[in-house]
Amino acid sequence: MKKFKQTEDLAFLNGSEELLDARMQRRSFLKFAGAGAAGMALVAAGCKKDNDNDNGIRLGEGDIGILNYAYALEQLEAAFYTQVAATPNTGLSSAEAALFVDIRDHEIAHREFFKAALKDKAIGALEVDFSSINFTSRDSILATAKAFEDLGVSAYNGAGRLIENAAYLLLAGKIVSVEARHAALIRDLISNGSFADSSVVDSNGLDLSRSPGQVLAIAKPYIKTEISLTGLPNY
């Protein structure tokens, strides 16, 4: 697999500073995502596409597999928050609903970034299953959002050790920090002060991490599309 040269890495990382600034409007993010993703696509272009097999969608190998893994999770989250925003009478207050729209826009931006970066190496759109979620219930929405955000944070934490390219690792660090902000907000909406309790932060002050296999097993009830772990870095 082709690796970035140091100068290419630096150019990509400098571009991502502005790209992933949480203060940017979603429209601006998406405008620059294509340009920022071009650097990532240099690596993608050097890898053989082999995303499908008889056991379901194959994410790929090496860093491409990890990027597709992250793309799959962002698809799930974006679909969930899109449904929340589109459902009337959710029980959320107007202020809470506005926050969920912001989170939706973040997740859509993350999803589109990975899609643009991976280009023809990207997996297809996943079919989700939200039949167990009551989108008209505030409690159901918050509980699901908490589960998805905590899972997302642990997924990025766990994937860090599997990423070979430093540019990807920095990008993952920027995205997981946004996911952690989401998780903290959702937790405090449920129970004020629970944003960093012992269920997610250990005695060393470290957040939980999960392997791709653990994460996809937890997410499986919400994803109809079969996803294969074949070739994906794991531990």
C-alpha atoms as a PDB file:
ATOM      1  CA  MET A   1       0.000   0.000   0.000  1.00  0.00           C
ATOM      2  CA  LYS A   2       1.330   3.416  -0.892  1.00  0.00           C
ATOM      3  CA  LYS A   3       2.360   5.647   2.024  1.00  0.00           C
ATOM      4  CA  PHE A   4       2.350   9.433   2.140  1.00  0.00           C
ATOM      5  CA  LYS A   5       5.673  11.164   1.897  1.00  0.00           C
ATOM      6  CA  GLN A   6       6.376  13.490   4.841  1.00  0.00           C
ATOM      7  CA  THR A   7       5.641  16.604   2.796  1.00  0.00           C
ATOM      8  CA  GLU A   8       2.323  15.148   1.635  1.00  0.00           C
ATOM      9  CA  ASP A   9       1.417  14.290   5.223  1.00  0.00           C
ATOM     10  CA  LEU A  10       2.120  17.829   6.395  1.00  0.00           C
ATOM     11  CA  ALA A  11       0.070  19.359   3.597  1.00  0.00           C
ATOM     12  CA  PHE A  12      -2.844  17.087   4.388  1.00  0.00           C
ATOM     13  CA  LEU A  13      -2.670  17.731   8.132  1.00  0.00           C
ATOM     14  CA  ASN A  14      -2.520  21.494   7.694  1.00  0.00           C
ATOM     15  CA  GLY A  15      -5.656  21.336   5.575  1.00  0.00           C
ATOM     16  CA  SER A  16      -7.500  19.217   8.132  1.00  0.00           C
ATOM     17  CA  GLU A  17      -6.997  21.812  10.884  1.00  0.00           C
ATOM     18  CA  GLU A  18      -9.570  24.057   9.219  1.00  0.00           C
ATOM     19  CA  LEU A  19     -11.599  21.205   7.828  1.00  0.00           C
ATOM     20  CA  LEU A  20     -12.485  19.659  11.186  1.00  0.00           C
ATOM     21  CA  ASP A  21     -12.940  22.876  13.152  1.00  0.00           C
ATOM     22  CA  ALA A  22     -16.209  22.315  15.018  1.00  0.00           C
ATOM     23  CA  ARG A  23     -17.109  25.972  14.593  1.00  0.00           C
ATOM     24  CA  MET A  24     -17.372  25.675  10.819  1.00  0.00           C
ATOM     25  CA  GLN A  25     -20.800  25.563   9.279  1.00  0.00           C
ATOM     26  CA  ARG A  26     -21.761  22.202   7.760  1.00  0.00           C
ATOM     27  CA  ARG A  27     -21.920  23.696   4.286  1.00  0.00           C
ATOM     28  CA  SER A  28     -18.356  24.970   4.590  1.00  0.00           C
ATOM     29  CA  PHE A  29     -17.224  21.608   5.951  1.00  0.00           C
ATOM     30  CA  LEU A  30     -18.655  19.746   3.003  1.00  0.00           C
ATOM     31  CA  LYS A  31     -17.204  22.281   0.588  1.00  0.00           C
ATOM     32  CA  PHE A  32     -13.682  21.640   1.857  1.00  0.00           C
ATOM     33  CA  ALA A  33     -14.108  17.923   2.568  1.00  0.00           C
ATOM     34  CA  GLY A  34     -13.547  16.955  -1.042  1.00  0.00           C
ATOM     35  CA  ALA A  35     -10.308  18.882  -1.195  1.00  0.00           C
ATOM     36  CA  GLY A  36      -9.039  17.606   2.148  1.00  0.00           C
ATOM     37  CA  ALA A  37      -9.970  14.060   1.265  1.00  0.00           C
ATOM     38  CA  ALA A  38      -7.838  14.164  -1.865  1.00  0.00           C
ATOM     39  CA  GLY A  39      -4.726  13.477   0.225  1.00  0.00           C
ATOM     40  CA  MET A  40      -6.324  10.437   1.786  1.00  0.00           C
ATOM     41  CA  ALA A  41      -7.388   9.236  -1.648  1.00  0.00           C
ATOM     42  CA  LEU A  42      -3.724   8.977  -2.682  1.00  0.00           C
ATOM     43  CA  VAL A  43      -3.406   5.981  -0.406  1.00  0.00           C
ATOM     44  CA  ALA A  44      -6.799   4.615  -1.378  1.00  0.00           C
ATOM     45  CA  ALA A  45      -5.862   4.728  -5.043  1.00  0.00           C
ATOM     46  CA  GLY A  46      -2.924   2.411  -4.400  1.00  0.00           C
ATOM     47  CA  CYS A  47      -5.020  -0.342  -2.812  1.00  0.00           C
ATOM     48  CA  LYS A  48      -6.915  -3.070  -4.626  1.00  0.00           C
ATOM     49  CA  LYS A  49     -10.677  -2.789  -4.235  1.00  0.00           C
ATOM     50  CA  ASP A  50     -12.121  -5.914  -2.669  1.00  0.00           C
ATOM     51  CA  ASN A  51     -15.042  -4.731  -0.601  1.00  0.00           C
ATOM     52  CA  ASP A  52     -17.493  -7.564  -1.115  1.00  0.00           C
ATOM     53  CA  ASN A  53     -17.523 -11.273  -0.457  1.00  0.00           C
ATOM     54  CA  ASP A  54     -20.066 -14.012   0.220  1.00  0.00           C
ATOM     55  CA  ASN A  55     -20.168 -13.141   3.911  1.00  0.00           C
ATOM     56  CA  GLY A  56     -21.222  -9.553   3.362  1.00  0.00           C
ATOM     57  CA  ILE A  57     -19.507  -6.264   2.683  1.00  0.00           C
ATOM     58  CA  ARG A  58     -15.767  -6.491   3.140  1.00  0.00           C
ATOM     59  CA  LEU A  59     -14.279  -3.320   4.581  1.00  0.00           C
ATOM     60  CA  GLY A  60     -10.809  -3.898   3.170  1.00  0.00           C
ATOM     61  CA  GLU A  61      -7.342  -4.311   4.584  1.00  0.00           C
ATOM     62  CA  GLY A  62      -4.953  -2.003   6.424  1.00  0.00           C
ATOM     63  CA  ASP A  63      -5.832   1.654   6.742  1.00  0.00           C
ATOM     64  CA  ILE A  64      -8.464   1.415   4.004  1.00  0.00           C
ATOM     65  CA  GLY A  65     -10.309  -1.154   6.073  1.00  0.00           C
ATOM     66  CA  ILE A  66     -10.185   1.082   9.136  1.00  0.00           C
ATOM     67  CA  LEU A  67     -11.424   4.082   7.156  1.00  0.00           C
ATOM     68  CA  ASN A  68     -14.330   2.022   5.830  1.00  0.00           C
ATOM     69  CA  TYR A  69     -15.008   0.820   9.375  1.00  0.00           C
ATOM     70  CA  ALA A  70     -15.232   4.431  10.535  1.00  0.00           C
ATOM     71  CA  TYR A  71     -17.359   5.271   7.483  1.00  0.00           C
ATOM     72  CA  ALA A  72     -19.798   2.494   8.408  1.00  0.00           C
ATOM     73  CA  LEU A  73     -20.194   3.837  11.945  1.00  0.00           C
ATOM     74  CA  GLU A  74     -20.675   7.393  10.695  1.00  0.00           C
ATOM     75  CA  GLN A  75     -23.366   6.138   8.315  1.00  0.00           C
ATOM     76  CA  LEU A  76     -25.198   4.589  11.259  1.00  0.00           C
ATOM     77  CA  GLU A  77     -25.001   7.706  13.400  1.00  0.00           C
ATOM     78  CA  ALA A  78     -25.929  10.062  10.572  1.00  0.00           C
ATOM     79  CA  ALA A  79     -28.972   7.940   9.730  1.00  0.00           C
ATOM     80  CA  PHE A  80     -30.107   7.920  13.352  1.00  0.00           C
ATOM     81  CA  TYR A  81     -29.834  11.676  13.882  1.00  0.00           C
ATOM     82  CA  THR A  82     -31.430  12.362  10.504  1.00  0.00           C
ATOM     83  CA  GLN A  83     -34.437  10.306  11.604  1.00  0.00           C
ATOM     84  CA  VAL A  84     -34.577  12.124  14.947  1.00  0.00           C
ATOM     85  CA  ALA A  85     -34.597  15.505  13.202  1.00  0.00           C
ATOM     86  CA  ALA A  86     -37.253  14.364  10.727  1.00  0.00           C
ATOM     87  CA  THR A  87     -39.663  12.953  13.334  1.00  0.00           C
ATOM     88  CA  PRO A  88     -42.307  15.344  14.736  1.00  0.00           C
ATOM     89  CA  ASN A  89     -43.367  15.331  18.389  1.00  0.00           C
ATOM     90  CA  THR A  90     -40.222  13.646  19.668  1.00  0.00           C
ATOM     91  CA  GLY A  91     -40.672  14.946  23.191  1.00  0.00           C
ATOM     92  CA  LEU A  92     -37.436  16.899  22.950  1.00  0.00           C
ATOM     93  CA  SER A  93     -37.533  20.536  23.952  1.00  0.00           C
ATOM     94  CA  SER A  94     -36.876  23.095  21.229  1.00  0.00           C
ATOM     95  CA  ALA A  95     -33.378  23.669  22.637  1.00  0.00           C
ATOM     96  CA  GLU A  96     -32.655  19.937  22.707  1.00  0.00           C
ATOM     97  CA  ALA A  97     -34.005  19.490  19.184  1.00  0.00           C
ATOM     98  CA  ALA A  98     -31.674  22.237  17.955  1.00  0.00           C
ATOM     99  CA  LEU A  99     -28.713  20.464  19.566  1.00  0.00           C
ATOM    100  CA  PHE A 100     -29.674  17.218  17.832  1.00  0.00           C
ATOM    101  CA  VAL A 101     -29.730  19.044  14.496  1.00  0.00           C
ATOM    102  CA  ASP A 102     -26.174  20.264  15.187  1.00  0.00           C
ATOM    103  CA  ILE A 103     -25.084  16.721  16.023  1.00  0.00           C
ATOM    104  CA  ARG A 104     -26.796  15.432  12.877  1.00  0.00           C
ATOM    105  CA  ASP A 105     -24.841  17.929  10.777  1.00  0.00           C
ATOM    106  CA  HIS A 106     -21.559  16.869  12.401  1.00  0.00           C
ATOM    107  CA  GLU A 107     -22.247  13.201  11.697  1.00  0.00           C
ATOM    108  CA  ILE A 108     -23.280  13.878   8.108  1.00  0.00           C
ATOM    109  CA  ALA A 109     -20.081  15.862   7.617  1.00  0.00           C
ATOM    110  CA  HIS A 110     -18.002  13.003   9.035  1.00  0.00           C
ATOM    111  CA  ARG A 111     -19.825  10.500   6.826  1.00  0.00           C
ATOM    112  CA  GLU A 112     -19.326  12.561   3.676  1.00  0.00           C
ATOM    113  CA  PHE A 113     -15.680  13.164   4.507  1.00  0.00           C
ATOM    114  CA  PHE A 114     -14.921   9.440   4.639  1.00  0.00           C
ATOM    115  CA  LYS A 115     -16.968   8.787   1.499  1.00  0.00           C
ATOM    116  CA  ALA A 116     -15.066  11.458  -0.431  1.00  0.00           C
ATOM    117  CA  ALA A 117     -11.726  10.278   0.933  1.00  0.00           C
ATOM    118  CA  LEU A 118     -12.242   6.628   0.059  1.00  0.00           C
ATOM    119  CA  LYS A 119     -13.715   7.313  -3.397  1.00  0.00           C
ATOM    120  CA  ASP A 120     -14.108   4.004  -5.254  1.00  0.00           C
ATOM    121  CA  LYS A 121     -12.747   2.091  -2.238  1.00  0.00           C
ATOM    122  CA  ALA A 122     -15.722   3.161  -0.115  1.00  0.00           C
ATOM    123  CA  ILE A 123     -18.283   0.569   0.875  1.00  0.00           C
ATOM    124  CA  GLY A 124     -21.844   1.168  -0.287  1.00  0.00           C
ATOM    125  CA  ALA A 125     -24.685   2.678   1.704  1.00  0.00           C
ATOM    126  CA  LEU A 126     -25.645   0.482   4.641  1.00  0.00           C
ATOM    127  CA  GLU A 127     -29.224  -0.558   5.343  1.00  0.00           C
ATOM    128  CA  VAL A 128     -30.081   0.277   8.938  1.00  0.00           C
ATOM    129  CA  ASP A 129     -32.746  -1.140  11.262  1.00  0.00           C
ATOM    130  CA  PHE A 130     -34.191   1.284  13.794  1.00  0.00           C
ATOM    131  CA  SER A 131     -37.343  -0.718  14.481  1.00  0.00           C
ATOM    132  CA  SER A 132     -36.424  -1.040  18.170  1.00  0.00           C
ATOM    133  CA  ILE A 133     -36.227   2.745  18.618  1.00  0.00           C
ATOM    134  CA  ASN A 134     -39.258   4.877  19.479  1.00  0.00           C
ATOM    135  CA  PHE A 135     -38.493   8.150  17.725  1.00  0.00           C
ATOM    136  CA  THR A 136     -41.468   9.851  19.380  1.00  0.00           C
ATOM    137  CA  SER A 137     -40.043   9.209  22.851  1.00  0.00           C
ATOM    138  CA  ARG A 138     -37.438  11.500  24.381  1.00  0.00           C
ATOM    139  CA  ASP A 139     -36.196   8.700  26.644  1.00  0.00           C
ATOM    140  CA  SER A 140     -35.765   6.309  23.708  1.00  0.00           C
ATOM    141  CA  ILE A 141     -33.955   8.911  21.619  1.00  0.00           C
ATOM    142  CA  LEU A 142     -31.580   9.890  24.422  1.00  0.00           C
ATOM    143  CA  ALA A 143     -30.859   6.289  25.408  1.00  0.00           C
ATOM    144  CA  THR A 144     -30.041   5.349  21.817  1.00  0.00           C
ATOM    145  CA  ALA A 145     -27.954   8.469  21.265  1.00  0.00           C
ATOM    146  CA  LYS A 146     -26.000   7.694  24.442  1.00  0.00           C
ATOM    147  CA  ALA A 147     -25.370   4.132  23.304  1.00  0.00           C
ATOM    148  CA  PHE A 148     -24.266   5.211  19.812  1.00  0.00           C
ATOM    149  CA  GLU A 149     -22.000   8.021  21.015  1.00  0.00           C
ATOM    150  CA  ASP A 150     -20.339   5.946  23.742  1.00  0.00           C
ATOM    151  CA  LEU A 151     -19.835   3.169  21.201  1.00  0.00           C
ATOM    152  CA  GLY A 152     -18.390   5.593  18.656  1.00  0.00           C
ATOM    153  CA  VAL A 153     -15.893   7.017  21.124  1.00  0.00           C
ATOM    154  CA  SER A 154     -14.737   3.534  22.156  1.00  0.00           C
ATOM    155  CA  ALA A 155     -14.494   2.544  18.472  1.00  0.00           C
ATOM    156  CA  TYR A 156     -12.180   5.400  17.543  1.00  0.00           C
ATOM    157  CA  ASN A 157     -10.135   4.838  20.700  1.00  0.00           C
ATOM    158  CA  GLY A 158      -9.726   1.185  19.790  1.00  0.00           C
ATOM    159  CA  ALA A 159      -8.950   1.824  16.140  1.00  0.00           C
ATOM    160  CA  GLY A 160      -6.086   4.185  16.933  1.00  0.00           C
ATOM    161  CA  ARG A 161      -3.599   1.385  17.541  1.00  0.00           C
ATOM    162  CA  LEU A 162      -4.483  -0.178  14.179  1.00  0.00           C
ATOM    163  CA  ILE A 163      -3.872   2.915  12.034  1.00  0.00           C
ATOM    164  CA  GLU A 164      -0.512   3.005  10.267  1.00  0.00           C
ATOM    165  CA  ASN A 165      -0.616   6.411   8.580  1.00  0.00           C
ATOM    166  CA  ALA A 166       0.010   9.342  10.913  1.00  0.00           C
ATOM    167  CA  ALA A 167      -2.310  11.612   8.924  1.00  0.00           C
ATOM    168  CA  TYR A 168      -5.197   9.208   9.474  1.00  0.00           C
ATOM    169  CA  LEU A 169      -4.384   8.919  13.168  1.00  0.00           C
ATOM    170  CA  LEU A 170      -4.515  12.674  13.646  1.00  0.00           C
ATOM    171  CA  LEU A 171      -7.794  12.842  11.760  1.00  0.00           C
ATOM    172  CA  ALA A 172      -9.277  10.082  13.926  1.00  0.00           C
ATOM    173  CA  GLY A 173      -8.180  12.005  17.019  1.00  0.00           C
ATOM    174  CA  LYS A 174     -10.015  15.095  15.823  1.00  0.00           C
ATOM    175  CA  ILE A 175     -13.188  13.183  15.047  1.00  0.00           C
ATOM    176  CA  VAL A 176     -13.226  11.220  18.304  1.00  0.00           C
ATOM    177  CA  SER A 177     -12.954  14.479  20.241  1.00  0.00           C
ATOM    178  CA  VAL A 178     -16.161  15.663  18.549  1.00  0.00           C
ATOM    179  CA  GLU A 179     -17.850  12.335  19.257  1.00  0.00           C
ATOM    180  CA  ALA A 180     -16.820  12.658  22.916  1.00  0.00           C
ATOM    181  CA  ARG A 181     -18.403  16.130  23.046  1.00  0.00           C
ATOM    182  CA  HIS A 182     -21.616  14.589  21.720  1.00  0.00           C
ATOM    183  CA  ALA A 183     -21.444  11.770  24.269  1.00  0.00           C
ATOM    184  CA  ALA A 184     -20.894  14.182  27.154  1.00  0.00           C
ATOM    185  CA  LEU A 185     -23.827  16.354  26.085  1.00  0.00           C
ATOM    186  CA  ILE A 186     -26.213  13.413  25.675  1.00  0.00           C
ATOM    187  CA  ARG A 187     -25.213  11.960  29.030  1.00  0.00           C
ATOM    188  CA  ASP A 188     -25.840  15.241  30.798  1.00  0.00           C
ATOM    189  CA  LEU A 189     -29.231  15.620  29.122  1.00  0.00           C
ATOM    190  CA  ILE A 190     -30.123  12.253  30.678  1.00  0.00           C
ATOM    191  CA  SER A 191     -28.516  12.855  34.064  1.00  0.00           C
ATOM    192  CA  ASN A 192     -26.595  16.036  34.811  1.00  0.00           C
ATOM    193  CA  GLY A 193     -22.989  15.357  35.793  1.00  0.00           C
ATOM    194  CA  SER A 194     -22.827  11.875  34.286  1.00  0.00           C
ATOM    195  CA  PHE A 195     -20.703  12.960  31.318  1.00  0.00           C
ATOM    196  CA  ALA A 196     -17.595  11.163  32.579  1.00  0.00           C
ATOM    197  CA  ASP A 197     -18.773   8.587  35.075  1.00  0.00           C
ATOM    198  CA  SER A 198     -17.105   5.263  35.815  1.00  0.00           C
ATOM    199  CA  SER A 199     -19.056   3.447  33.099  1.00  0.00           C
ATOM    200  CA  VAL A 200     -16.948   5.147  30.424  1.00  0.00           C
ATOM    201  CA  VAL A 201     -13.863   6.548  32.219  1.00  0.00           C
ATOM    202  CA  ASP A 202     -11.667   4.206  34.251  1.00  0.00           C
ATOM    203  CA  SER A 203      -9.689   4.835  37.438  1.00  0.00           C
ATOM    204  CA  ASN A 204      -6.739   6.051  35.369  1.00  0.00           C
ATOM    205  CA  GLY A 205      -8.848   8.762  33.765  1.00  0.00           C
ATOM    206  CA  LEU A 206      -8.899   6.924  30.439  1.00  0.00           C
ATOM    207  CA  ASP A 207     -11.927   6.399  28.231  1.00  0.00           C
ATOM    208  CA  LEU A 208     -13.035   2.949  27.117  1.00  0.00           C
ATOM    209  CA  SER A 209     -11.762   1.410  23.890  1.00  0.00           C
ATOM    210  CA  ARG A 210     -13.155  -1.481  21.861  1.00  0.00           C
ATOM    211  CA  SER A 211     -11.842  -3.522  18.950  1.00  0.00           C
ATOM    212  CA  PRO A 212     -13.628  -3.420  15.576  1.00  0.00           C
ATOM    213  CA  GLY A 213     -15.003  -6.889  16.224  1.00  0.00           C
ATOM    214  CA  GLN A 214     -16.485  -5.839  19.560  1.00  0.00           C
ATOM    215  CA  VAL A 215     -17.939  -2.635  18.119  1.00  0.00           C
ATOM    216  CA  LEU A 216     -19.566  -4.243  15.087  1.00  0.00           C
ATOM    217  CA  ALA A 217     -21.072  -6.964  17.275  1.00  0.00           C
ATOM    218  CA  ILE A 218     -22.736  -4.293  19.437  1.00  0.00           C
ATOM    219  CA  ALA A 219     -23.888  -2.296  16.391  1.00  0.00           C
ATOM    220  CA  LYS A 220     -25.171  -5.367  14.505  1.00  0.00           C
ATOM    221  CA  PRO A 221     -28.819  -5.125  15.717  1.00  0.00           C
ATOM    222  CA  TYR A 222     -29.055  -1.708  14.032  1.00  0.00           C
ATOM    223  CA  ILE A 223     -27.383  -2.644  10.732  1.00  0.00           C
ATOM    224  CA  LYS A 224     -29.181  -4.969   8.317  1.00  0.00           C
ATOM    225  CA  THR A 225     -26.254  -5.077   5.895  1.00  0.00           C
ATOM    226  CA  GLU A 226     -23.853  -7.902   6.693  1.00  0.00           C
ATOM    227  CA  ILE A 227     -20.323  -6.670   7.328  1.00  0.00           C
ATOM    228  CA  SER A 228     -17.350  -8.993   7.064  1.00  0.00           C
ATOM    229  CA  LEU A 229     -14.289  -8.594   9.262  1.00  0.00           C
ATOM    230  CA  THR A 230     -12.152 -10.521   6.769  1.00  0.00           C
ATOM    231  CA  GLY A 231      -8.886  -8.670   6.210  1.00  0.00           C
ATOM    232  CA  LEU A 232      -9.731  -5.882   8.650  1.00  0.00           C
ATOM    233  CA  PRO A 233      -6.995  -5.153  11.221  1.00  0.00           C
ATOM    234  CA  ASN A 234      -8.251  -6.334  14.594  1.00  0.00           C
ATOM    235  CA  TYR A 235      -7.022  -7.480  17.982  1.00  0.00           C
END
